Amino acid sequence: MRYELSDYEWTEIKPHAVVDTNGLPVHLALTPGEAHNNRLCSVLLSALLPQTMLLADRGYDADCIRELARHQGAWANIPPKRNRKAPICFSPYLYRARNLIERFFNKIKQCRRVATRYDKLAANYLAFVKLASIRIWLRANESTP
């Protein structure tokens, strides 16, 4: 199983998402726009299963995130930042599967309320992002006769 972690910067808040190998959301959270990506990693990755792969973008390249994944029995395939001194193990071939998280954000942006961010309160905005995620789950699991 593979989990992917990403953020997508909109106005003053950043939604963070963890999706599974099918591109379906597992965890969602928000941070203020000026906050660093590492702030929510312990919360988002709390349910990371052993023997899984974590794919994330360069913003999540930190030793604490790699250690958290290793502690939970997962392997973090995160591209190194350009200023990283020590080399790390990274596979560009496996990293190509990270497009699932980008596709997830494009799917939830199909909801106009999510894309234009009509809600003034972060709690209301997160609730509607979760509703859009439920819609994605329902579409993926609908039965066709």
Foldseek 3Di string as FASTA:
>chain_A
DEWEWEWDDDDQKIKIFIADLVLATDDIDIDTRVDQPVPCLCVRCVPPAAAYEYAYEQSPPDPVNQVVQVVRRYGYAYDHDPPDDDDDDHDPVVNVSNCSPVVSVVQLVVPVCLVVVPDPDPVVNRVSSVVSSVVVVCVVPPDDD
